Protein backbone atom coordinates (compact mmCIF):
# COMPACT_ATOMS: atom_id res chain seq x y z
CA MET A 1 -35.37 23.27 -15.52
CA GLU A 2 -37.29 22.13 -18.60
CA ARG A 3 -34.19 22.60 -20.74
CA PHE A 4 -32.21 20.39 -18.35
CA LYS A 5 -34.91 17.69 -18.51
CA LEU A 6 -34.85 17.79 -22.32
CA PHE A 7 -31.08 17.43 -22.26
CA ILE A 8 -31.29 14.46 -19.92
CA ASP A 9 -33.99 12.84 -22.08
CA TRP A 10 -31.80 13.31 -25.16
CA LEU A 11 -28.79 11.95 -23.34
CA MET A 12 -30.67 8.88 -22.17
CA THR A 13 -31.45 7.78 -25.74
CA ASP A 14 -27.74 7.69 -26.56
CA ILE A 15 -26.62 5.53 -23.65
CA LYS A 16 -25.26 2.03 -23.98
CA HIS A 17 -27.25 -0.30 -21.76
CA ILE A 18 -25.21 -3.36 -20.80
CA SER A 19 -27.20 -6.40 -19.78
CA ARG A 20 -25.93 -8.69 -17.04
CA GLU A 21 -25.52 -11.45 -19.62
CA ASP A 22 -23.47 -9.22 -21.95
CA LEU A 23 -21.35 -8.10 -19.04
CA GLN A 24 -20.76 -11.69 -17.96
CA LYS A 25 -19.62 -12.50 -21.52
CA LEU A 26 -17.27 -9.51 -21.49
CA LEU A 27 -15.76 -10.60 -18.19
CA SER A 28 -15.40 -14.16 -19.44
CA SER A 29 -13.56 -12.89 -22.53
CA MET A 30 -11.19 -11.12 -20.10
CA GLU A 31 -10.68 -14.46 -18.30
CA ILE A 32 -12.51 -13.19 -15.23
CA GLU A 33 -14.87 -15.75 -13.74
CA SER A 34 -18.05 -14.19 -12.43
CA THR A 35 -21.12 -15.39 -10.59
CA VAL A 36 -24.59 -14.01 -9.88
CA ASP A 37 -25.46 -13.63 -6.20
CA SER A 38 -28.86 -14.26 -4.58
CA GLU A 39 -29.91 -10.65 -5.31
CA GLY A 40 -29.09 -10.98 -9.02
CA THR A 41 -25.88 -8.94 -8.88
CA LEU A 42 -22.89 -10.07 -10.90
CA TYR A 43 -19.66 -10.40 -8.91
CA CYS A 44 -16.19 -11.87 -9.02
CA VAL A 45 -13.57 -12.57 -6.39
CA PHE A 46 -9.88 -11.82 -6.73
CA PRO A 47 -8.07 -14.18 -4.35
CA SER A 48 -5.56 -13.02 -1.79
CA ASP A 49 -1.86 -13.13 -2.62
CA GLU A 50 1.47 -12.24 -1.05
CA ASP A 51 0.79 -8.50 -1.51
CA PHE A 52 -2.68 -8.50 0.03
CA PRO A 53 -3.81 -11.34 2.31
CA HIS A 54 -7.56 -10.88 1.74
CA ASP A 55 -9.88 -11.79 -1.10
CA VAL A 56 -11.47 -8.81 -2.85
CA VAL A 57 -15.09 -9.03 -3.99
CA PHE A 58 -16.03 -6.92 -7.01
CA HIS A 59 -19.73 -6.29 -7.68
CA PHE A 60 -20.83 -5.16 -11.14
CA THR A 61 -24.08 -3.24 -11.24
CA ASN A 62 -26.07 -1.88 -14.16
CA ASP A 63 -29.39 -0.12 -13.94
CA ASP A 64 -32.26 0.82 -16.23
CA GLU A 65 -30.92 4.37 -16.61
CA GLY A 66 -27.65 3.14 -18.14
CA TRP A 67 -25.38 3.56 -15.14
CA PHE A 68 -22.67 0.92 -14.82
CA GLY A 69 -20.92 0.49 -11.49
CA ILE A 70 -18.06 -1.48 -10.03
CA GLU A 71 -17.85 -1.78 -6.26
CA ALA A 72 -14.97 -3.45 -4.41
CA VAL A 73 -14.78 -4.64 -0.81
CA PRO A 74 -12.03 -6.79 0.72
CA ASP A 75 -13.21 -9.79 2.70
CA GLU A 76 -12.34 -9.74 6.41
CA PHE A 77 -10.20 -6.59 6.22
CA ALA A 78 -11.64 -4.59 9.08
CA ILE A 79 -10.00 -1.31 10.02
CA GLU A 80 -8.93 -1.18 13.65
CA GLU A 81 -10.81 1.53 15.53
CA GLU A 82 -7.64 3.46 16.39
CA LYS A 83 -6.69 3.53 12.69
CA ILE A 84 -9.98 4.88 11.29
CA GLY A 85 -8.58 8.42 11.07
CA GLN A 86 -5.49 7.18 9.24
CA ALA A 87 -7.72 5.16 6.90
CA LEU A 88 -9.88 8.21 6.11
CA VAL A 89 -6.81 10.31 5.31
CA PHE A 90 -5.51 7.50 3.09
CA CYS A 91 -8.86 7.37 1.24
CA ASN A 92 -8.91 11.15 0.76
CA GLU A 93 -5.37 11.21 -0.60
CA PHE A 94 -6.06 8.32 -2.94
CA SER A 95 -9.30 9.84 -4.24
CA ARG A 96 -7.59 13.20 -4.76
CA ARG A 97 -4.72 11.68 -6.74
CA ALA A 98 -6.32 8.77 -8.56
CA ARG A 99 -9.72 10.22 -9.53
CA ILE A 100 -11.07 6.70 -10.12
CA PRO A 101 -12.34 4.81 -8.24
CA LYS A 102 -13.69 6.65 -5.21
CA ALA A 103 -12.40 5.31 -1.91
CA PHE A 104 -14.16 5.61 1.42
CA VAL A 105 -14.65 3.95 4.78
CA MET A 106 -18.03 2.41 5.56
CA ASN A 107 -18.85 0.45 8.71
CA GLY A 108 -15.18 0.11 9.62
CA ARG A 109 -14.15 -1.26 6.24
CA PHE A 110 -12.72 0.12 3.04
CA LYS A 111 -15.02 0.30 0.05
CA LEU A 112 -14.27 1.51 -3.45
CA ASP A 113 -16.69 2.24 -6.23
CA GLN A 114 -16.79 3.72 -9.69
CA TRP A 115 -19.85 4.62 -11.75
CA ILE A 116 -20.08 5.61 -15.39
CA VAL A 117 -22.54 5.96 -18.24
CA PHE A 118 -21.17 4.73 -21.57
CA PRO A 119 -22.27 6.44 -24.79
CA ALA A 120 -24.13 4.14 -27.19
CA SER A 121 -21.15 4.17 -29.55
CA THR A 122 -18.80 2.65 -26.93
CA ASP A 123 -17.30 -0.62 -28.16
CA ASP A 124 -16.60 -3.70 -26.06
CA ASP A 125 -12.82 -3.19 -26.16
CA TYR A 126 -13.15 0.19 -24.49
CA ILE A 127 -15.44 -1.24 -21.81
CA LYS A 128 -12.94 -4.05 -21.17
CA GLN A 129 -10.10 -1.53 -20.80
CA TYR A 130 -12.22 0.52 -18.43
CA ILE A 131 -13.06 -2.53 -16.31
CA GLU A 132 -9.41 -3.60 -16.24
CA LEU A 133 -8.34 -0.11 -15.15
CA VAL A 134 -10.88 0.04 -12.33
CA LEU A 135 -10.10 -3.48 -11.07
CA THR A 136 -6.36 -2.77 -11.16
CA MET A 137 -6.76 0.55 -9.34
CA CYS A 138 -8.91 -1.10 -6.66
CA TRP A 139 -6.43 -3.91 -6.08
CA SER A 140 -3.56 -1.41 -5.91
CA PHE A 141 -5.50 0.67 -3.38
CA PHE A 142 -6.05 -2.33 -1.10
CA VAL A 143 -2.41 -3.42 -1.31
CA ASN A 144 -1.21 0.07 -0.41
CA ALA A 145 -3.85 0.56 2.31
CA TYR A 146 -2.84 -2.73 3.90
CA ARG A 147 0.83 -1.69 3.90
CA LYS A 148 0.03 1.76 5.28
CA LEU A 149 -2.19 0.48 8.10
CA SER A 150 0.29 -2.28 8.98
CA GLU A 151 3.10 0.21 9.68
């Protein structure tokens, strides 16, 4: 156990900690407008379009241990009770195939999240590509889930 703790301590010194302000600058450079909510969490909203008729709210979370998370929830896209089983199967298949982000059902709604720790040597371009990948995968999930549950 002590060896594991030493490894974790060593690992923690080599983690890139991203402040909310730095993250907001990164998002702005990607032309993504973001806002800070009443709890201090950075978020952005992707508006509905012809493929998915609901806005999607993305929350960006960073903690003192270096974890960086993106969580996505579509506004007003409740899963009908009789389709919860179908939604769970859809989430499982997506998570098995896509690997990132994780998809699940919580309180009758879809939720996606992805968490990562970046090494200290990670540059901003890599982080931007990572964010773009996660946001794109989330949007794609919601579009496909909407189609599947509308059948």
